[in-house]
Amino acid sequence: MSPPAGIPFVDLSSNQPPSKTDWAAIAASGHGHAFLRATEGVVPDSAFVAHRKAARAAGVLVGAYIFWRPRHSAYENVQALLDAAGTLAGTDWDLPLVIDLEAEDKPDQLEKEDLEHHVSLGLTEIRVRTGVSPLLYTGPGFVGAHLPADHRLGQWALWNADYRDTPALPRGWTEAVARQYTGTGRVPGYPGNADVSVWLCSPEELRSLCYPKP
């Protein structure tokens, strides 16, 4: 697939070992933003600290995300994320925190209304604890299968996951700030597959999402 129009960025985790990742090359290739997995549920990502240090040293603006596990309470998920990523915009991270909503394992399955409530609590708690509204990463297939038809999560900024040539927004949103378009992208600086996305918002809106270092 050809990259869609927009400013490109990557998201990495321990699936992309820091020892194999050249952040200077990633930055030089035009991928100036990155989201790094800080936790999977309540379990810290073993590569987060190393990736964050190297990415920021290369001049890459960094955000952190949690792979959301509804098997834990919303507050347990959020506490784990903040313990790993920190709470201070511009100091601990440069881009908003993100809830990655895609887990379909049986222990993570809730009734649709319960899942909506669970994620809403998490998003609100992050905003209260950090003073910054987080992004919600999810896709149309997951939303259609696991959230109510009249859910109210569309008030949160969306990072849309849709790999199709003709993407669609999940039910409940009229726009997205970003789109992940492949999970098998190739990025200079890493030899294997990488998740690659593009920002869909205007340069002004993107600047408003970035937090300058104090």
N, C-alpha and C. Protein backbone atom coordinates (compact mmCIF):
# COMPACT_ATOMS: atom_id res chain seq x y z
N MET A 1 0.84 -1.20 0.00
CA MET A 1 0.00 0.00 0.00
C MET A 1 0.87 1.25 0.00
N SER A 2 0.54 2.22 -0.83
CA SER A 2 1.24 3.49 -0.82
C SER A 2 0.85 4.28 0.43
N PRO A 3 1.79 4.98 1.03
CA PRO A 3 1.46 5.76 2.23
C PRO A 3 0.40 6.82 1.91
N PRO A 4 -0.61 6.96 2.73
CA PRO A 4 -1.58 8.03 2.52
C PRO A 4 -0.96 9.38 2.83
N ALA A 5 -1.63 10.43 2.40
CA ALA A 5 -1.14 11.77 2.65
C ALA A 5 -1.18 12.07 4.15
N GLY A 6 -0.17 12.76 4.62
CA GLY A 6 -0.11 13.12 6.03
C GLY A 6 1.32 13.03 6.54
N ILE A 7 1.54 13.52 7.73
CA ILE A 7 2.86 13.50 8.35
C ILE A 7 3.06 12.14 9.01
N PRO A 8 4.10 11.38 8.62
CA PRO A 8 4.23 10.01 9.11
C PRO A 8 4.80 9.93 10.52
N PHE A 9 4.39 8.88 11.22
CA PHE A 9 5.00 8.58 12.53
C PHE A 9 4.90 7.08 12.77
N VAL A 10 5.63 6.61 13.77
CA VAL A 10 5.70 5.18 14.06
C VAL A 10 5.22 4.92 15.48
N ASP A 11 4.86 3.67 15.74
CA ASP A 11 4.68 3.24 17.12
C ASP A 11 5.43 1.92 17.32
N LEU A 12 6.19 1.86 18.40
CA LEU A 12 7.06 0.73 18.68
C LEU A 12 6.84 0.22 20.09
N SER A 13 7.28 -1.00 20.31
CA SER A 13 7.18 -1.64 21.61
C SER A 13 8.36 -2.59 21.77
N SER A 14 8.28 -3.47 22.74
CA SER A 14 9.32 -4.48 22.91
C SER A 14 9.36 -5.46 21.75
N ASN A 15 8.33 -5.44 20.90
CA ASN A 15 8.37 -6.25 19.67
C ASN A 15 9.44 -5.76 18.71
N GLN A 16 9.87 -4.52 18.89
CA GLN A 16 10.97 -3.95 18.11
C GLN A 16 12.10 -3.65 19.11
N PRO A 17 13.02 -4.56 19.32
CA PRO A 17 14.04 -4.41 20.35
C PRO A 17 14.88 -3.14 20.16
N PRO A 18 15.15 -2.43 21.25
CA PRO A 18 16.00 -1.24 21.14
C PRO A 18 17.36 -1.52 20.52
N SER A 19 17.89 -2.71 20.75
CA SER A 19 19.21 -3.05 20.21
C SER A 19 19.22 -3.08 18.69
N LYS A 20 18.05 -3.22 18.07
CA LYS A 20 17.95 -3.28 16.61
C LYS A 20 17.38 -1.99 16.03
N THR A 21 17.17 -0.98 16.87
CA THR A 21 16.49 0.23 16.45
C THR A 21 17.45 1.41 16.44
N ASP A 22 17.58 2.05 15.29
CA ASP A 22 18.44 3.22 15.13
C ASP A 22 17.54 4.44 15.06
N TRP A 23 17.38 5.11 16.20
CA TRP A 23 16.45 6.23 16.25
C TRP A 23 16.93 7.43 15.44
N ALA A 24 18.23 7.59 15.32
CA ALA A 24 18.73 8.68 14.49
C ALA A 24 18.32 8.49 13.04
N ALA A 25 18.36 7.24 12.56
CA ALA A 25 17.94 6.96 11.19
C ALA A 25 16.44 7.13 11.02
N ILE A 26 15.68 6.74 12.03
CA ILE A 26 14.23 6.93 11.98
C ILE A 26 13.90 8.42 11.88
N ALA A 27 14.57 9.23 12.71
CA ALA A 27 14.34 10.67 12.68
C ALA A 27 14.74 11.26 11.33
N ALA A 28 15.87 10.82 10.81
CA ALA A 28 16.35 11.36 9.54
C ALA A 28 15.45 11.00 8.38
N SER A 29 14.66 9.92 8.52
CA SER A 29 13.77 9.49 7.45
C SER A 29 12.47 10.29 7.41
N GLY A 30 12.29 11.20 8.37
CA GLY A 30 11.09 12.03 8.38
C GLY A 30 10.04 11.59 9.37
N HIS A 31 10.33 10.54 10.13
CA HIS A 31 9.41 10.08 11.17
C HIS A 31 9.80 10.77 12.48
N GLY A 32 9.32 11.98 12.65
CA GLY A 32 9.72 12.81 13.78
C GLY A 32 8.89 12.64 15.02
N HIS A 33 7.88 11.77 14.95
CA HIS A 33 7.02 11.48 16.11
C HIS A 33 6.94 9.97 16.31
N ALA A 34 6.81 9.56 17.56
CA ALA A 34 6.67 8.13 17.85
C ALA A 34 5.84 7.93 19.10
N PHE A 35 5.00 6.92 19.05
CA PHE A 35 4.29 6.46 20.24
C PHE A 35 4.90 5.13 20.66
N LEU A 36 5.19 5.02 21.94
CA LEU A 36 5.87 3.85 22.48
C LEU A 36 4.95 3.18 23.50
N ARG A 37 4.88 1.84 23.42
CA ARG A 37 4.06 1.13 24.40
C ARG A 37 4.73 1.20 25.76
N ALA A 38 4.01 1.76 26.73
CA ALA A 38 4.51 1.85 28.09
C ALA A 38 4.08 0.64 28.92
N THR A 39 2.85 0.18 28.69
CA THR A 39 2.33 -0.96 29.45
C THR A 39 1.37 -1.76 28.59
N GLU A 40 1.25 -3.02 28.92
CA GLU A 40 0.16 -3.86 28.41
C GLU A 40 -0.68 -4.23 29.61
N GLY A 41 -1.83 -3.57 29.75
CA GLY A 41 -2.57 -3.69 31.00
C GLY A 41 -1.71 -3.13 32.13
N VAL A 42 -1.47 -3.94 33.15
CA VAL A 42 -0.68 -3.48 34.29
C VAL A 42 0.79 -3.89 34.19
N VAL A 43 1.18 -4.49 33.07
CA VAL A 43 2.54 -5.00 32.91
C VAL A 43 3.37 -4.00 32.11
N PRO A 44 4.47 -3.47 32.67
CA PRO A 44 5.30 -2.52 31.93
C PRO A 44 5.93 -3.17 30.71
N ASP A 45 6.09 -2.37 29.64
CA ASP A 45 6.80 -2.83 28.45
C ASP A 45 8.31 -2.73 28.74
N SER A 46 9.01 -3.82 28.54
CA SER A 46 10.42 -3.88 28.92
C SER A 46 11.32 -2.97 28.09
N ALA A 47 10.84 -2.51 26.93
CA ALA A 47 11.66 -1.68 26.05
C ALA A 47 11.33 -0.20 26.16
N PHE A 48 10.32 0.16 26.93
CA PHE A 48 9.83 1.54 26.90
C PHE A 48 10.91 2.55 27.30
N VAL A 49 11.57 2.34 28.41
CA VAL A 49 12.53 3.32 28.90
C VAL A 49 13.67 3.52 27.91
N ALA A 50 14.20 2.42 27.38
CA ALA A 50 15.30 2.52 26.42
C ALA A 50 14.86 3.20 25.13
N HIS A 51 13.68 2.83 24.63
CA HIS A 51 13.18 3.48 23.41
C HIS A 51 12.97 4.97 23.64
N ARG A 52 12.38 5.33 24.76
CA ARG A 52 12.10 6.75 25.02
C ARG A 52 13.39 7.56 25.09
N LYS A 53 14.38 7.05 25.80
CA LYS A 53 15.64 7.76 25.94
C LYS A 53 16.31 7.96 24.58
N ALA A 54 16.38 6.91 23.78
CA ALA A 54 17.06 6.99 22.49
C ALA A 54 16.27 7.85 21.50
N ALA A 55 14.95 7.73 21.49
CA ALA A 55 14.14 8.50 20.57
C ALA A 55 14.26 9.99 20.86
N ARG A 56 14.16 10.36 22.11
CA ARG A 56 14.23 11.78 22.44
C ARG A 56 15.63 12.33 22.20
N ALA A 57 16.66 11.50 22.40
CA ALA A 57 18.02 11.94 22.11
C ALA A 57 18.20 12.22 20.63
N ALA A 58 17.44 11.52 19.80
CA ALA A 58 17.50 11.72 18.35
C ALA A 58 16.60 12.86 17.88
N GLY A 59 15.90 13.49 18.81
CA GLY A 59 15.03 14.60 18.44
C GLY A 59 13.62 14.21 18.07
N VAL A 60 13.26 12.94 18.29
CA VAL A 60 11.92 12.47 18.00
C VAL A 60 10.99 12.83 19.15
N LEU A 61 9.83 13.38 18.83
CA LEU A 61 8.83 13.68 19.85
C LEU A 61 8.10 12.39 20.20
N VAL A 62 7.96 12.14 21.50
CA VAL A 62 7.50 10.83 21.97
C VAL A 62 6.19 10.95 22.74
N GLY A 63 5.32 9.98 22.49
CA GLY A 63 4.14 9.77 23.30
C GLY A 63 4.14 8.34 23.81
N ALA A 64 3.31 8.05 24.78
CA ALA A 64 3.25 6.70 25.36
C ALA A 64 1.82 6.18 25.27
N TYR A 65 1.71 4.85 25.10
CA TYR A 65 0.38 4.26 25.05
C TYR A 65 0.29 3.02 25.92
N ILE A 66 -0.93 2.72 26.29
CA ILE A 66 -1.23 1.51 27.03
C ILE A 66 -2.09 0.60 26.15
N PHE A 67 -1.69 -0.66 26.04
CA PHE A 67 -2.56 -1.66 25.42
C PHE A 67 -3.59 -2.01 26.49
N TRP A 68 -4.80 -1.54 26.29
CA TRP A 68 -5.83 -1.55 27.33
C TRP A 68 -6.33 -2.97 27.58
N ARG A 69 -6.31 -3.38 28.84
CA ARG A 69 -6.76 -4.71 29.23
C ARG A 69 -7.95 -4.57 30.18
N PRO A 70 -9.18 -4.74 29.66
CA PRO A 70 -10.37 -4.62 30.51
C PRO A 70 -10.46 -5.66 31.62
N ARG A 71 -9.60 -6.68 31.60
CA ARG A 71 -9.58 -7.66 32.69
C ARG A 71 -9.17 -6.99 34.00
N HIS A 72 -8.48 -5.84 33.91
CA HIS A 72 -8.13 -5.05 35.08
C HIS A 72 -9.08 -3.86 35.16
N SER A 73 -9.22 -3.27 36.33
CA SER A 73 -10.07 -2.10 36.44
C SER A 73 -9.48 -0.94 35.65
N ALA A 74 -10.32 0.01 35.31
CA ALA A 74 -9.84 1.19 34.59
C ALA A 74 -8.75 1.90 35.38
N TYR A 75 -8.93 2.00 36.69
CA TYR A 75 -7.97 2.71 37.50
C TYR A 75 -6.65 1.95 37.61
N GLU A 76 -6.70 0.63 37.63
CA GLU A 76 -5.46 -0.15 37.62
C GLU A 76 -4.71 0.03 36.31
N ASN A 77 -5.41 0.04 35.20
CA ASN A 77 -4.79 0.29 33.91
C ASN A 77 -4.12 1.66 33.89
N VAL A 78 -4.85 2.68 34.30
CA VAL A 78 -4.32 4.04 34.25
C VAL A 78 -3.14 4.21 35.19
N GLN A 79 -3.24 3.65 36.39
CA GLN A 79 -2.14 3.80 37.33
C GLN A 79 -0.87 3.16 36.79
N ALA A 80 -1.01 2.00 36.17
CA ALA A 80 0.16 1.35 35.58
C ALA A 80 0.76 2.21 34.47
N LEU A 81 -0.08 2.79 33.63
CA LEU A 81 0.41 3.65 32.55
C LEU A 81 1.17 4.85 33.12
N LEU A 82 0.59 5.52 34.10
CA LEU A 82 1.23 6.71 34.64
C LEU A 82 2.48 6.38 35.44
N ASP A 83 2.48 5.23 36.10
CA ASP A 83 3.70 4.81 36.80
C ASP A 83 4.84 4.61 35.81
N ALA A 84 4.52 4.08 34.63
CA ALA A 84 5.55 3.80 33.63
C ALA A 84 5.93 5.04 32.83
N ALA A 85 4.93 5.80 32.41
CA ALA A 85 5.16 6.90 31.46
C ALA A 85 5.36 8.25 32.13
N GLY A 86 4.84 8.42 33.35
CA GLY A 86 4.89 9.72 34.00
C GLY A 86 3.67 10.56 33.66
N THR A 87 3.55 11.68 34.33
CA THR A 87 2.36 12.52 34.21
C THR A 87 2.61 13.89 33.61
N LEU A 88 3.86 14.26 33.38
CA LEU A 88 4.17 15.64 33.03
C LEU A 88 4.40 15.80 31.54
N ALA A 89 3.48 16.50 30.88
CA ALA A 89 3.64 16.81 29.46
C ALA A 89 4.85 17.71 29.27
N GLY A 90 5.68 17.37 28.29
CA GLY A 90 6.87 18.14 28.03
C GLY A 90 8.09 17.67 28.79
N THR A 91 7.87 16.91 29.84
CA THR A 91 8.97 16.35 30.62
C THR A 91 9.04 14.84 30.43
N ASP A 92 7.90 14.17 30.69
CA ASP A 92 7.85 12.72 30.55
C ASP A 92 7.50 12.30 29.13
N TRP A 93 6.75 13.11 28.44
CA TRP A 93 6.34 12.81 27.07
C TRP A 93 6.00 14.10 26.36
N ASP A 94 6.09 14.06 25.02
CA ASP A 94 5.88 15.24 24.19
C ASP A 94 4.54 15.23 23.46
N LEU A 95 3.94 14.05 23.34
CA LEU A 95 2.66 13.85 22.67
C LEU A 95 1.67 13.27 23.68
N PRO A 96 0.38 13.43 23.46
CA PRO A 96 -0.59 12.93 24.43
C PRO A 96 -0.47 11.43 24.67
N LEU A 97 -0.87 11.02 25.85
CA LEU A 97 -0.97 9.59 26.14
C LEU A 97 -2.11 9.00 25.33
N VAL A 98 -2.06 7.68 25.14
CA VAL A 98 -3.02 6.99 24.27
C VAL A 98 -3.52 5.72 24.94
N ILE A 99 -4.82 5.49 24.83
CA ILE A 99 -5.40 4.18 25.15
C ILE A 99 -5.57 3.43 23.84
N ASP A 100 -4.93 2.28 23.76
CA ASP A 100 -5.00 1.39 22.59
C ASP A 100 -6.08 0.35 22.87
N LEU A 101 -7.23 0.53 22.23
CA LEU A 101 -8.40 -0.30 22.49
C LEU A 101 -8.57 -1.30 21.35
N GLU A 102 -8.09 -2.52 21.58
CA GLU A 102 -8.23 -3.55 20.55
C GLU A 102 -8.22 -4.97 21.12
N ALA A 103 -8.04 -5.13 22.42
CA ALA A 103 -7.91 -6.47 23.01
C ALA A 103 -9.21 -7.26 22.86
N GLU A 104 -9.10 -8.47 22.33
CA GLU A 104 -10.27 -9.32 22.12
C GLU A 104 -10.13 -10.67 22.82
N ASP A 105 -9.11 -10.82 23.65
CA ASP A 105 -8.97 -12.07 24.39
C ASP A 105 -10.14 -12.24 25.35
N LYS A 106 -10.50 -13.48 25.60
CA LYS A 106 -11.69 -13.75 26.40
C LYS A 106 -11.69 -13.04 27.76
N PRO A 107 -10.56 -13.02 28.50
CA PRO A 107 -10.59 -12.32 29.79
C PRO A 107 -10.85 -10.82 29.68
N ASP A 108 -10.70 -10.26 28.48
CA ASP A 108 -10.92 -8.83 28.27
C ASP A 108 -12.28 -8.50 27.70
N GLN A 109 -13.12 -9.49 27.51
CA GLN A 109 -14.42 -9.25 26.91
C GLN A 109 -15.43 -8.81 27.97
N LEU A 110 -16.04 -7.66 27.73
CA LEU A 110 -17.09 -7.12 28.58
C LEU A 110 -18.34 -6.92 27.73
N GLU A 111 -19.47 -6.78 28.40
CA GLU A 111 -20.66 -6.34 27.68
C GLU A 111 -20.40 -4.97 27.06
N LYS A 112 -21.05 -4.68 25.94
CA LYS A 112 -20.74 -3.47 25.19
C LYS A 112 -20.85 -2.20 26.04
N GLU A 113 -21.92 -2.10 26.81
CA GLU A 113 -22.10 -0.91 27.64
C GLU A 113 -21.04 -0.85 28.73
N ASP A 114 -20.67 -2.01 29.27
CA ASP A 114 -19.64 -2.04 30.31
C ASP A 114 -18.28 -1.64 29.75
N LEU A 115 -17.97 -2.06 28.53
CA LEU A 115 -16.70 -1.68 27.93
C LEU A 115 -16.65 -0.18 27.67
N GLU A 116 -17.74 0.37 27.17
CA GLU A 116 -17.78 1.82 26.95
C GLU A 116 -17.51 2.55 28.26
N HIS A 117 -18.16 2.13 29.33
CA HIS A 117 -17.98 2.78 30.63
C HIS A 117 -16.55 2.63 31.12
N HIS A 118 -16.00 1.45 30.97
CA HIS A 118 -14.65 1.14 31.41
C HIS A 118 -13.63 2.05 30.72
N VAL A 119 -13.74 2.18 29.40
CA VAL A 119 -12.79 2.99 28.64
C VAL A 119 -13.01 4.47 28.92
N SER A 120 -14.26 4.88 29.05
CA SER A 120 -14.56 6.27 29.37
C SER A 120 -13.95 6.67 30.71
N LEU A 121 -14.04 5.78 31.70
CA LEU A 121 -13.41 6.06 32.99
C LEU A 121 -11.90 6.24 32.83
N GLY A 122 -11.29 5.37 32.02
CA GLY A 122 -9.86 5.46 31.83
C GLY A 122 -9.43 6.75 31.15
N LEU A 123 -10.11 7.11 30.07
CA LEU A 123 -9.78 8.34 29.36
C LEU A 123 -9.94 9.57 30.26
N THR A 124 -11.02 9.59 31.01
CA THR A 124 -11.28 10.71 31.91
C THR A 124 -10.23 10.78 33.01
N GLU A 125 -9.87 9.63 33.55
CA GLU A 125 -8.88 9.59 34.63
C GLU A 125 -7.52 10.10 34.13
N ILE A 126 -7.13 9.74 32.92
CA ILE A 126 -5.87 10.24 32.37
C ILE A 126 -5.93 11.76 32.24
N ARG A 127 -7.03 12.28 31.75
CA ARG A 127 -7.15 13.74 31.60
C ARG A 127 -7.08 14.44 32.95
N VAL A 128 -7.76 13.87 33.94
CA VAL A 128 -7.75 14.47 35.27
C VAL A 128 -6.34 14.42 35.89
N ARG A 129 -5.68 13.29 35.73
CA ARG A 129 -4.38 13.10 36.38
C ARG A 129 -3.25 13.85 35.69
N THR A 130 -3.37 14.12 34.39
CA THR A 130 -2.28 14.76 33.65
C THR A 130 -2.61 16.17 33.18
N GLY A 131 -3.90 16.51 33.13
CA GLY A 131 -4.29 17.80 32.59
C GLY A 131 -4.32 17.83 31.08
N VAL A 132 -4.10 16.68 30.43
CA VAL A 132 -4.05 16.59 28.97
C VAL A 132 -5.04 15.52 28.49
N SER A 133 -5.84 15.84 27.50
CA SER A 133 -6.77 14.86 26.96
C SER A 133 -6.02 13.81 26.15
N PRO A 134 -6.22 12.54 26.45
CA PRO A 134 -5.54 11.48 25.70
C PRO A 134 -6.20 11.23 24.35
N LEU A 135 -5.52 10.45 23.53
CA LEU A 135 -6.09 9.96 22.28
C LEU A 135 -6.62 8.55 22.51
N LEU A 136 -7.57 8.16 21.68
CA LEU A 136 -8.07 6.79 21.69
C LEU A 136 -7.73 6.14 20.36
N TYR A 137 -6.98 5.05 20.43
CA TYR A 137 -6.62 4.27 19.24
C TYR A 137 -7.57 3.09 19.15
N THR A 138 -8.27 3.00 18.05
CA THR A 138 -9.15 1.86 17.79
C THR A 138 -9.53 1.89 16.32
N GLY A 139 -10.31 0.91 15.88
CA GLY A 139 -10.68 0.84 14.48
C GLY A 139 -12.15 0.51 14.28
N PRO A 140 -12.64 0.65 13.06
CA PRO A 140 -14.07 0.45 12.80
C PRO A 140 -14.54 -0.97 13.09
N GLY A 141 -13.71 -1.97 12.83
CA GLY A 141 -14.12 -3.34 13.10
C GLY A 141 -14.32 -3.60 14.57
N PHE A 142 -13.38 -3.13 15.39
CA PHE A 142 -13.49 -3.33 16.83
C PHE A 142 -14.69 -2.58 17.38
N VAL A 143 -14.85 -1.33 16.98
CA VAL A 143 -15.96 -0.53 17.50
C VAL A 143 -17.29 -1.16 17.13
N GLY A 144 -17.43 -1.61 15.88
CA GLY A 144 -18.68 -2.22 15.45
C GLY A 144 -19.03 -3.48 16.21
N ALA A 145 -18.01 -4.22 16.62
CA ALA A 145 -18.25 -5.50 17.29
C ALA A 145 -18.39 -5.38 18.80
N HIS A 146 -17.78 -4.34 19.40
CA HIS A 146 -17.62 -4.36 20.85
C HIS A 146 -18.17 -3.15 21.59
N LEU A 147 -18.65 -2.13 20.88
CA LEU A 147 -19.21 -0.97 21.55
C LEU A 147 -20.66 -0.77 21.14
N PRO A 148 -21.47 -0.15 22.00
CA PRO A 148 -22.88 0.08 21.64
C PRO A 148 -23.01 0.98 20.42
N ALA A 149 -24.10 0.84 19.72
CA ALA A 149 -24.34 1.66 18.53
C ALA A 149 -24.38 3.15 18.88
N ASP A 150 -24.83 3.48 20.09
CA ASP A 150 -24.97 4.88 20.49
C ASP A 150 -23.88 5.29 21.49
N HIS A 151 -22.71 4.66 21.42
CA HIS A 151 -21.65 4.97 22.38
C HIS A 151 -21.27 6.45 22.27
N ARG A 152 -20.64 6.94 23.34
CA ARG A 152 -20.29 8.36 23.41
C ARG A 152 -18.78 8.59 23.47
N LEU A 153 -18.02 7.64 23.01
CA LEU A 153 -16.57 7.82 23.03
C LEU A 153 -16.08 8.72 21.89
N GLY A 154 -16.97 9.08 20.97
CA GLY A 154 -16.59 9.93 19.86
C GLY A 154 -16.18 11.33 20.26
N GLN A 155 -16.37 11.67 21.53
CA GLN A 155 -15.92 12.98 22.01
C GLN A 155 -14.40 13.04 22.17
N TRP A 156 -13.76 11.87 22.16
CA TRP A 156 -12.32 11.80 22.33
C TRP A 156 -11.62 11.76 20.97
N ALA A 157 -10.47 12.42 20.88
CA ALA A 157 -9.72 12.44 19.62
C ALA A 157 -9.32 11.03 19.22
N LEU A 158 -9.51 10.71 17.96
CA LEU A 158 -9.35 9.34 17.46
C LEU A 158 -8.07 9.18 16.65
N TRP A 159 -7.35 8.11 16.97
CA TRP A 159 -6.28 7.58 16.12
C TRP A 159 -6.86 6.31 15.50
N ASN A 160 -7.24 6.41 14.25
CA ASN A 160 -8.00 5.35 13.59
C ASN A 160 -7.08 4.27 13.04
N ALA A 161 -7.41 3.03 13.32
CA ALA A 161 -6.66 1.88 12.79
C ALA A 161 -7.46 1.25 11.67
N ASP A 162 -7.04 1.49 10.44
CA ASP A 162 -7.75 0.93 9.29
C ASP A 162 -6.74 0.75 8.17
N TYR A 163 -6.49 -0.51 7.80
CA TYR A 163 -5.46 -0.83 6.82
C TYR A 163 -6.00 -0.93 5.40
N ARG A 164 -7.26 -0.67 5.20
CA ARG A 164 -7.86 -0.82 3.87
C ARG A 164 -7.49 0.33 2.95
N ASP A 165 -7.52 0.08 1.64
CA ASP A 165 -7.23 1.12 0.67
C ASP A 165 -8.22 2.28 0.76
N THR A 166 -9.46 1.93 1.07
CA THR A 166 -10.49 2.96 1.28
C THR A 166 -10.92 2.89 2.73
N PRO A 167 -10.30 3.66 3.61
CA PRO A 167 -10.59 3.55 5.05
C PRO A 167 -11.93 4.17 5.40
N ALA A 168 -12.43 3.77 6.55
CA ALA A 168 -13.67 4.32 7.08
C ALA A 168 -13.44 4.69 8.53
N LEU A 169 -14.24 5.63 9.01
CA LEU A 169 -14.18 5.98 10.41
C LEU A 169 -15.03 5.00 11.22
N PRO A 170 -14.63 4.71 12.44
CA PRO A 170 -15.50 3.91 13.30
C PRO A 170 -16.81 4.65 13.57
N ARG A 171 -17.85 3.89 13.80
CA ARG A 171 -19.13 4.49 14.16
C ARG A 171 -18.96 5.36 15.41
N GLY A 172 -19.50 6.57 15.34
CA GLY A 172 -19.44 7.46 16.49
C GLY A 172 -18.46 8.61 16.33
N TRP A 173 -17.63 8.58 15.25
CA TRP A 173 -16.68 9.66 14.99
C TRP A 173 -16.97 10.29 13.63
N THR A 174 -16.71 11.58 13.53
CA THR A 174 -16.83 12.29 12.25
C THR A 174 -15.47 12.66 11.68
N GLU A 175 -14.41 12.47 12.48
CA GLU A 175 -13.06 12.76 12.01
C GLU A 175 -12.06 12.02 12.87
N ALA A 176 -10.85 11.92 12.38
CA ALA A 176 -9.75 11.33 13.12
C ALA A 176 -8.55 12.26 13.02
N VAL A 177 -7.73 12.28 14.07
CA VAL A 177 -6.51 13.10 14.02
C VAL A 177 -5.36 12.33 13.39
N ALA A 178 -5.47 11.00 13.36
CA ALA A 178 -4.39 10.18 12.79
C ALA A 178 -4.97 8.86 12.32
N ARG A 179 -4.19 8.19 11.46
CA ARG A 179 -4.60 6.87 10.96
C ARG A 179 -3.39 5.95 10.87
N GLN A 180 -3.49 4.80 11.50
CA GLN A 180 -2.50 3.75 11.28
C GLN A 180 -2.95 2.97 10.06
N TYR A 181 -2.07 2.90 9.05
CA TYR A 181 -2.49 2.30 7.79
C TYR A 181 -1.79 0.98 7.47
N THR A 182 -0.80 0.61 8.28
CA THR A 182 -0.14 -0.68 8.06
C THR A 182 0.54 -1.15 9.34
N GLY A 183 0.57 -2.45 9.50
CA GLY A 183 1.33 -3.06 10.58
C GLY A 183 2.58 -3.74 10.07
N THR A 184 2.84 -3.63 8.79
CA THR A 184 4.01 -4.26 8.18
C THR A 184 4.82 -3.23 7.39
N GLY A 185 4.86 -2.01 7.91
CA GLY A 185 5.61 -0.97 7.24
C GLY A 185 7.11 -1.15 7.40
N ARG A 186 7.84 -0.50 6.54
CA ARG A 186 9.30 -0.51 6.60
C ARG A 186 9.78 0.91 6.85
N VAL A 187 10.61 1.04 7.88
CA VAL A 187 11.11 2.35 8.29
C VAL A 187 12.62 2.29 8.38
N PRO A 188 13.33 3.21 7.74
CA PRO A 188 14.78 3.24 7.91
C PRO A 188 15.15 3.31 9.40
N GLY A 189 16.07 2.47 9.81
CA GLY A 189 16.46 2.44 11.21
C GLY A 189 15.96 1.23 11.95
N TYR A 190 15.05 0.47 11.32
CA TYR A 190 14.60 -0.77 11.94
C TYR A 190 14.46 -1.83 10.84
N PRO A 191 15.04 -3.04 11.04
CA PRO A 191 15.09 -4.01 9.95
C PRO A 191 13.82 -4.81 9.72
N GLY A 192 12.88 -4.78 10.66
CA GLY A 192 11.68 -5.60 10.53
C GLY A 192 10.43 -4.77 10.28
N ASN A 193 9.28 -5.42 10.50
CA ASN A 193 8.00 -4.74 10.31
C ASN A 193 7.76 -3.72 11.41
N ALA A 194 7.08 -2.65 11.06
CA ALA A 194 6.73 -1.61 12.03
C ALA A 194 5.34 -1.10 11.73
N ASP A 195 4.64 -0.68 12.78
CA ASP A 195 3.36 0.00 12.61
C ASP A 195 3.64 1.43 12.17
N VAL A 196 3.01 1.85 11.09
CA VAL A 196 3.24 3.20 10.58
C VAL A 196 1.89 3.90 10.43
N SER A 197 1.87 5.16 10.81
CA SER A 197 0.66 5.97 10.77
C SER A 197 0.96 7.31 10.15
N VAL A 198 -0.09 8.06 9.87
CA VAL A 198 0.06 9.45 9.45
C VAL A 198 -0.89 10.32 10.26
N TRP A 199 -0.42 11.52 10.54
CA TRP A 199 -1.31 12.53 11.12
C TRP A 199 -2.23 13.05 10.03
N LEU A 200 -3.49 13.18 10.36
CA LEU A 200 -4.49 13.69 9.42
C LEU A 200 -4.90 15.12 9.73
N CYS A 201 -4.43 15.63 10.85
CA CYS A 201 -4.83 16.98 11.26
C CYS A 201 -3.93 18.02 10.61
N SER A 202 -4.32 19.26 10.71
CA SER A 202 -3.54 20.36 10.13
C SER A 202 -2.26 20.55 10.93
N PRO A 203 -1.26 21.22 10.32
CA PRO A 203 -0.04 21.52 11.08
C PRO A 203 -0.30 22.27 12.37
N GLU A 204 -1.28 23.17 12.36
CA GLU A 204 -1.61 23.92 13.57
C GLU A 204 -2.18 23.01 14.64
N GLU A 205 -3.08 22.11 14.24
CA GLU A 205 -3.64 21.17 15.20
C GLU A 205 -2.57 20.23 15.73
N LEU A 206 -1.65 19.81 14.87
CA LEU A 206 -0.58 18.93 15.32
C LEU A 206 0.31 19.64 16.32
N ARG A 207 0.64 20.89 16.05
CA ARG A 207 1.47 21.65 17.01
C ARG A 207 0.79 21.74 18.35
N SER A 208 -0.55 21.83 18.35
CA SER A 208 -1.27 21.93 19.61
C SER A 208 -1.24 20.65 20.41
N LEU A 209 -0.92 19.52 19.75
CA LEU A 209 -0.81 18.24 20.44
C LEU A 209 0.58 18.01 21.02
N CYS A 210 1.55 18.84 20.65
CA CYS A 210 2.93 18.65 21.08
C CYS A 210 3.23 19.59 22.24
N TYR A 211 3.98 19.09 23.21
CA TYR A 211 4.26 19.84 24.42
C TYR A 211 5.75 20.15 24.49
N PRO A 212 6.12 21.44 24.44
CA PRO A 212 7.54 21.79 24.47
C PRO A 212 8.16 21.43 25.82
N LYS A 213 9.40 21.04 25.79
CA LYS A 213 10.12 20.72 27.02
C LYS A 213 10.24 21.98 27.87
N PRO A 214 10.01 21.89 29.18
CA PRO A 214 10.11 23.09 30.04
C PRO A 214 11.52 23.68 30.00
